[in-house]
Amino acid sequence: MIKKQIESELSLEGQAHEVAEKFFKEIIDPMGSAMFGKDPEIAHTFMCHVLWMSMNSYAGLFKKNGTSEEGIKDITEQFLKALREHPNELMC
């Protein structure tokens, strides 16, 4: 069982990238770090689920106009390129 108390009044305002960054910095990253400190395998599973659910949401939004598969391929290629070029920092 995973339990993490979030003790911040999170205000999600701003541009899309700002809201996403704040959400991940305030909620996802701290939870992943807390889990990693206790059990890296649980942290890995948690982050994989976050990744898959995010990609599923993206695909669901763009499925009707037929661009979801191409969009996921493009995002994945951009992510891998950024990871190769800047292995110690990830960015959009």
N, C-alpha and C. Protein backbone atom coordinates (compact mmCIF):
# COMPACT_ATOMS: atom_id res chain seq x y z
N MET A 1 0.85 -1.18 0.00
CA MET A 1 0.00 0.00 0.00
C MET A 1 0.89 1.23 0.00
N ILE A 2 0.52 2.18 -0.81
CA ILE A 2 1.28 3.43 -0.93
C ILE A 2 0.44 4.54 -0.32
N LYS A 3 1.07 5.30 0.57
CA LYS A 3 0.37 6.41 1.19
C LYS A 3 1.32 7.59 1.25
N LYS A 4 0.91 8.70 0.68
CA LYS A 4 1.72 9.92 0.69
C LYS A 4 0.79 11.09 0.93
N GLN A 5 0.99 11.78 2.02
CA GLN A 5 0.18 12.95 2.34
C GLN A 5 0.73 14.15 1.58
N ILE A 6 -0.12 14.81 0.85
CA ILE A 6 0.28 16.01 0.12
C ILE A 6 -0.17 17.21 0.93
N GLU A 7 0.81 17.96 1.39
CA GLU A 7 0.49 19.07 2.29
C GLU A 7 0.74 20.41 1.63
N SER A 8 0.27 20.57 0.43
CA SER A 8 0.45 21.85 -0.23
C SER A 8 -0.86 22.24 -0.88
N GLU A 9 -1.10 23.51 -0.91
CA GLU A 9 -2.28 24.00 -1.62
C GLU A 9 -1.83 24.26 -3.04
N LEU A 10 -2.04 23.29 -3.87
CA LEU A 10 -1.57 23.34 -5.24
C LEU A 10 -2.53 24.15 -6.10
N SER A 11 -2.00 25.17 -6.72
CA SER A 11 -2.79 25.99 -7.63
C SER A 11 -2.25 25.74 -9.03
N LEU A 12 -3.07 25.16 -9.87
CA LEU A 12 -2.64 24.85 -11.22
C LEU A 12 -3.12 25.94 -12.17
N GLU A 13 -2.28 26.95 -12.30
CA GLU A 13 -2.60 28.07 -13.18
C GLU A 13 -1.39 28.33 -14.07
N GLY A 14 -1.65 28.88 -15.24
CA GLY A 14 -0.57 29.25 -16.14
C GLY A 14 -0.73 28.60 -17.50
N GLN A 15 0.35 28.67 -18.27
CA GLN A 15 0.38 28.03 -19.58
C GLN A 15 0.40 26.52 -19.40
N ALA A 16 0.07 25.80 -20.45
CA ALA A 16 -0.03 24.33 -20.37
C ALA A 16 1.26 23.71 -19.83
N HIS A 17 2.41 24.13 -20.34
CA HIS A 17 3.67 23.54 -19.88
C HIS A 17 3.96 23.90 -18.42
N GLU A 18 3.52 25.07 -17.97
CA GLU A 18 3.73 25.47 -16.58
C GLU A 18 2.87 24.63 -15.64
N VAL A 19 1.62 24.39 -16.03
CA VAL A 19 0.71 23.59 -15.21
C VAL A 19 1.24 22.16 -15.11
N ALA A 20 1.65 21.59 -16.25
CA ALA A 20 2.17 20.22 -16.25
C ALA A 20 3.43 20.11 -15.39
N GLU A 21 4.34 21.07 -15.54
CA GLU A 21 5.58 21.04 -14.76
C GLU A 21 5.30 21.16 -13.27
N LYS A 22 4.40 22.06 -12.89
CA LYS A 22 4.07 22.22 -11.48
C LYS A 22 3.41 20.96 -10.92
N PHE A 23 2.50 20.37 -11.67
CA PHE A 23 1.83 19.15 -11.23
C PHE A 23 2.85 18.04 -10.97
N PHE A 24 3.77 17.86 -11.89
CA PHE A 24 4.77 16.81 -11.71
C PHE A 24 5.75 17.14 -10.59
N LYS A 25 6.16 18.40 -10.48
CA LYS A 25 7.11 18.77 -9.41
C LYS A 25 6.47 18.70 -8.03
N GLU A 26 5.19 19.02 -7.93
CA GLU A 26 4.51 19.08 -6.64
C GLU A 26 3.91 17.74 -6.21
N ILE A 27 3.52 16.90 -7.16
CA ILE A 27 2.82 15.67 -6.80
C ILE A 27 3.58 14.41 -7.24
N ILE A 28 3.82 14.28 -8.53
CA ILE A 28 4.39 13.03 -9.05
C ILE A 28 5.83 12.82 -8.57
N ASP A 29 6.69 13.79 -8.75
CA ASP A 29 8.10 13.63 -8.35
C ASP A 29 8.27 13.31 -6.86
N PRO A 30 7.62 14.05 -5.96
CA PRO A 30 7.78 13.71 -4.54
C PRO A 30 7.28 12.30 -4.20
N MET A 31 6.18 11.88 -4.83
CA MET A 31 5.69 10.53 -4.57
C MET A 31 6.67 9.49 -5.08
N GLY A 32 7.18 9.70 -6.30
CA GLY A 32 8.16 8.77 -6.86
C GLY A 32 9.42 8.69 -6.01
N SER A 33 9.89 9.84 -5.54
CA SER A 33 11.10 9.88 -4.71
C SER A 33 10.88 9.17 -3.38
N ALA A 34 9.73 9.41 -2.77
CA ALA A 34 9.42 8.74 -1.50
C ALA A 34 9.36 7.23 -1.69
N MET A 35 8.75 6.80 -2.77
CA MET A 35 8.68 5.36 -3.04
C MET A 35 10.06 4.79 -3.33
N PHE A 36 10.86 5.52 -4.09
CA PHE A 36 12.19 5.03 -4.46
C PHE A 36 13.04 4.81 -3.22
N GLY A 37 12.89 5.71 -2.23
CA GLY A 37 13.64 5.56 -0.98
C GLY A 37 13.27 4.31 -0.21
N LYS A 38 12.05 3.84 -0.39
CA LYS A 38 11.60 2.63 0.33
C LYS A 38 11.78 1.38 -0.51
N ASP A 39 11.46 1.47 -1.80
CA ASP A 39 11.54 0.30 -2.66
C ASP A 39 11.61 0.76 -4.12
N PRO A 40 12.80 0.73 -4.73
CA PRO A 40 12.94 1.20 -6.11
C PRO A 40 12.02 0.48 -7.10
N GLU A 41 11.70 -0.79 -6.85
CA GLU A 41 10.82 -1.52 -7.76
C GLU A 41 9.40 -0.94 -7.73
N ILE A 42 8.93 -0.57 -6.56
CA ILE A 42 7.61 0.05 -6.45
C ILE A 42 7.61 1.41 -7.15
N ALA A 43 8.69 2.18 -6.98
CA ALA A 43 8.80 3.48 -7.65
C ALA A 43 8.78 3.30 -9.16
N HIS A 44 9.49 2.29 -9.65
CA HIS A 44 9.51 2.01 -11.08
C HIS A 44 8.10 1.68 -11.58
N THR A 45 7.40 0.84 -10.86
CA THR A 45 6.04 0.47 -11.25
C THR A 45 5.12 1.69 -11.25
N PHE A 46 5.21 2.51 -10.22
CA PHE A 46 4.40 3.73 -10.12
C PHE A 46 4.66 4.65 -11.32
N MET A 47 5.94 4.91 -11.61
CA MET A 47 6.26 5.83 -12.69
C MET A 47 5.86 5.26 -14.05
N CYS A 48 5.96 3.95 -14.22
CA CYS A 48 5.50 3.33 -15.47
C CYS A 48 4.00 3.52 -15.64
N HIS A 49 3.25 3.36 -14.55
CA HIS A 49 1.80 3.57 -14.62
C HIS A 49 1.47 5.02 -14.95
N VAL A 50 2.19 5.96 -14.36
CA VAL A 50 1.97 7.37 -14.67
C VAL A 50 2.25 7.63 -16.15
N LEU A 51 3.35 7.08 -16.65
CA LEU A 51 3.70 7.25 -18.06
C LEU A 51 2.61 6.67 -18.96
N TRP A 52 2.21 5.43 -18.69
CA TRP A 52 1.21 4.78 -19.54
C TRP A 52 -0.14 5.49 -19.48
N MET A 53 -0.54 5.92 -18.28
CA MET A 53 -1.83 6.62 -18.17
C MET A 53 -1.79 7.96 -18.88
N SER A 54 -0.65 8.65 -18.82
CA SER A 54 -0.51 9.91 -19.54
C SER A 54 -0.60 9.69 -21.04
N MET A 55 0.10 8.67 -21.53
CA MET A 55 0.05 8.38 -22.96
C MET A 55 -1.35 7.94 -23.38
N ASN A 56 -2.03 7.20 -22.52
CA ASN A 56 -3.39 6.76 -22.83
C ASN A 56 -4.33 7.96 -22.91
N SER A 57 -4.18 8.90 -22.00
CA SER A 57 -5.02 10.10 -22.04
C SER A 57 -4.76 10.90 -23.31
N TYR A 58 -3.49 11.04 -23.65
CA TYR A 58 -3.12 11.75 -24.88
C TYR A 58 -3.76 11.06 -26.09
N ALA A 59 -3.60 9.74 -26.16
CA ALA A 59 -4.15 8.98 -27.29
C ALA A 59 -5.66 9.13 -27.36
N GLY A 60 -6.31 9.12 -26.21
CA GLY A 60 -7.77 9.26 -26.18
C GLY A 60 -8.23 10.61 -26.70
N LEU A 61 -7.48 11.65 -26.41
CA LEU A 61 -7.85 12.99 -26.87
C LEU A 61 -7.76 13.13 -28.39
N PHE A 62 -6.77 12.49 -28.98
CA PHE A 62 -6.50 12.70 -30.39
C PHE A 62 -6.89 11.52 -31.29
N LYS A 63 -7.52 10.50 -30.70
CA LYS A 63 -7.88 9.32 -31.47
C LYS A 63 -8.91 9.63 -32.56
N LYS A 64 -9.85 10.49 -32.27
CA LYS A 64 -10.94 10.78 -33.22
C LYS A 64 -10.42 11.38 -34.52
N ASN A 65 -9.38 12.21 -34.44
CA ASN A 65 -8.89 12.81 -35.69
C ASN A 65 -7.72 12.01 -36.28
N GLY A 66 -7.43 10.84 -35.70
CA GLY A 66 -6.45 9.93 -36.28
C GLY A 66 -4.99 10.30 -36.07
N THR A 67 -4.71 11.21 -35.15
CA THR A 67 -3.33 11.64 -34.97
C THR A 67 -2.68 11.09 -33.71
N SER A 68 -3.39 10.30 -32.92
CA SER A 68 -2.83 9.85 -31.64
C SER A 68 -1.60 8.97 -31.81
N GLU A 69 -1.65 8.00 -32.72
CA GLU A 69 -0.50 7.11 -32.89
C GLU A 69 0.72 7.89 -33.37
N GLU A 70 0.53 8.75 -34.36
CA GLU A 70 1.64 9.55 -34.88
C GLU A 70 2.17 10.50 -33.81
N GLY A 71 1.27 11.07 -33.03
CA GLY A 71 1.70 11.98 -31.95
C GLY A 71 2.52 11.27 -30.90
N ILE A 72 2.12 10.08 -30.51
CA ILE A 72 2.87 9.33 -29.50
C ILE A 72 4.24 8.94 -30.05
N LYS A 73 4.30 8.55 -31.32
CA LYS A 73 5.60 8.24 -31.93
C LYS A 73 6.50 9.47 -31.91
N ASP A 74 5.95 10.62 -32.27
CA ASP A 74 6.72 11.86 -32.32
C ASP A 74 7.22 12.25 -30.92
N ILE A 75 6.34 12.20 -29.94
CA ILE A 75 6.73 12.54 -28.56
C ILE A 75 7.81 11.59 -28.06
N THR A 76 7.66 10.30 -28.35
CA THR A 76 8.64 9.31 -27.91
C THR A 76 9.99 9.58 -28.55
N GLU A 77 10.00 9.88 -29.85
CA GLU A 77 11.26 10.18 -30.54
C GLU A 77 11.90 11.44 -29.96
N GLN A 78 11.10 12.47 -29.68
CA GLN A 78 11.65 13.70 -29.08
C GLN A 78 12.24 13.42 -27.70
N PHE A 79 11.53 12.61 -26.91
CA PHE A 79 11.99 12.27 -25.57
C PHE A 79 13.32 11.53 -25.64
N LEU A 80 13.42 10.52 -26.49
CA LEU A 80 14.64 9.74 -26.61
C LEU A 80 15.80 10.59 -27.12
N LYS A 81 15.53 11.48 -28.06
CA LYS A 81 16.57 12.39 -28.56
C LYS A 81 17.08 13.29 -27.44
N ALA A 82 16.17 13.87 -26.68
CA ALA A 82 16.56 14.73 -25.55
C ALA A 82 17.34 13.95 -24.51
N LEU A 83 16.93 12.71 -24.26
CA LEU A 83 17.61 11.87 -23.28
C LEU A 83 19.04 11.56 -23.73
N ARG A 84 19.23 11.29 -25.02
CA ARG A 84 20.57 11.02 -25.55
C ARG A 84 21.45 12.28 -25.51
N GLU A 85 20.87 13.42 -25.87
CA GLU A 85 21.64 14.66 -25.95
C GLU A 85 21.91 15.27 -24.59
N HIS A 86 21.02 15.09 -23.66
CA HIS A 86 21.12 15.67 -22.32
C HIS A 86 20.75 14.61 -21.29
N PRO A 87 21.60 13.61 -21.06
CA PRO A 87 21.23 12.48 -20.21
C PRO A 87 20.93 12.83 -18.76
N ASN A 88 21.40 13.96 -18.29
CA ASN A 88 21.18 14.32 -16.88
C ASN A 88 20.07 15.32 -16.68
N GLU A 89 19.39 15.70 -17.75
CA GLU A 89 18.26 16.62 -17.62
C GLU A 89 17.24 16.35 -18.71
N LEU A 90 16.02 16.27 -18.33
CA LEU A 90 14.95 16.04 -19.29
C LEU A 90 14.16 17.33 -19.47
N MET A 91 13.76 17.57 -20.68
CA MET A 91 13.02 18.80 -20.95
C MET A 91 12.04 18.57 -22.08
N CYS A 92 11.08 19.47 -22.19
CA CYS A 92 10.13 19.40 -23.30
C CYS A 92 10.67 20.18 -24.46
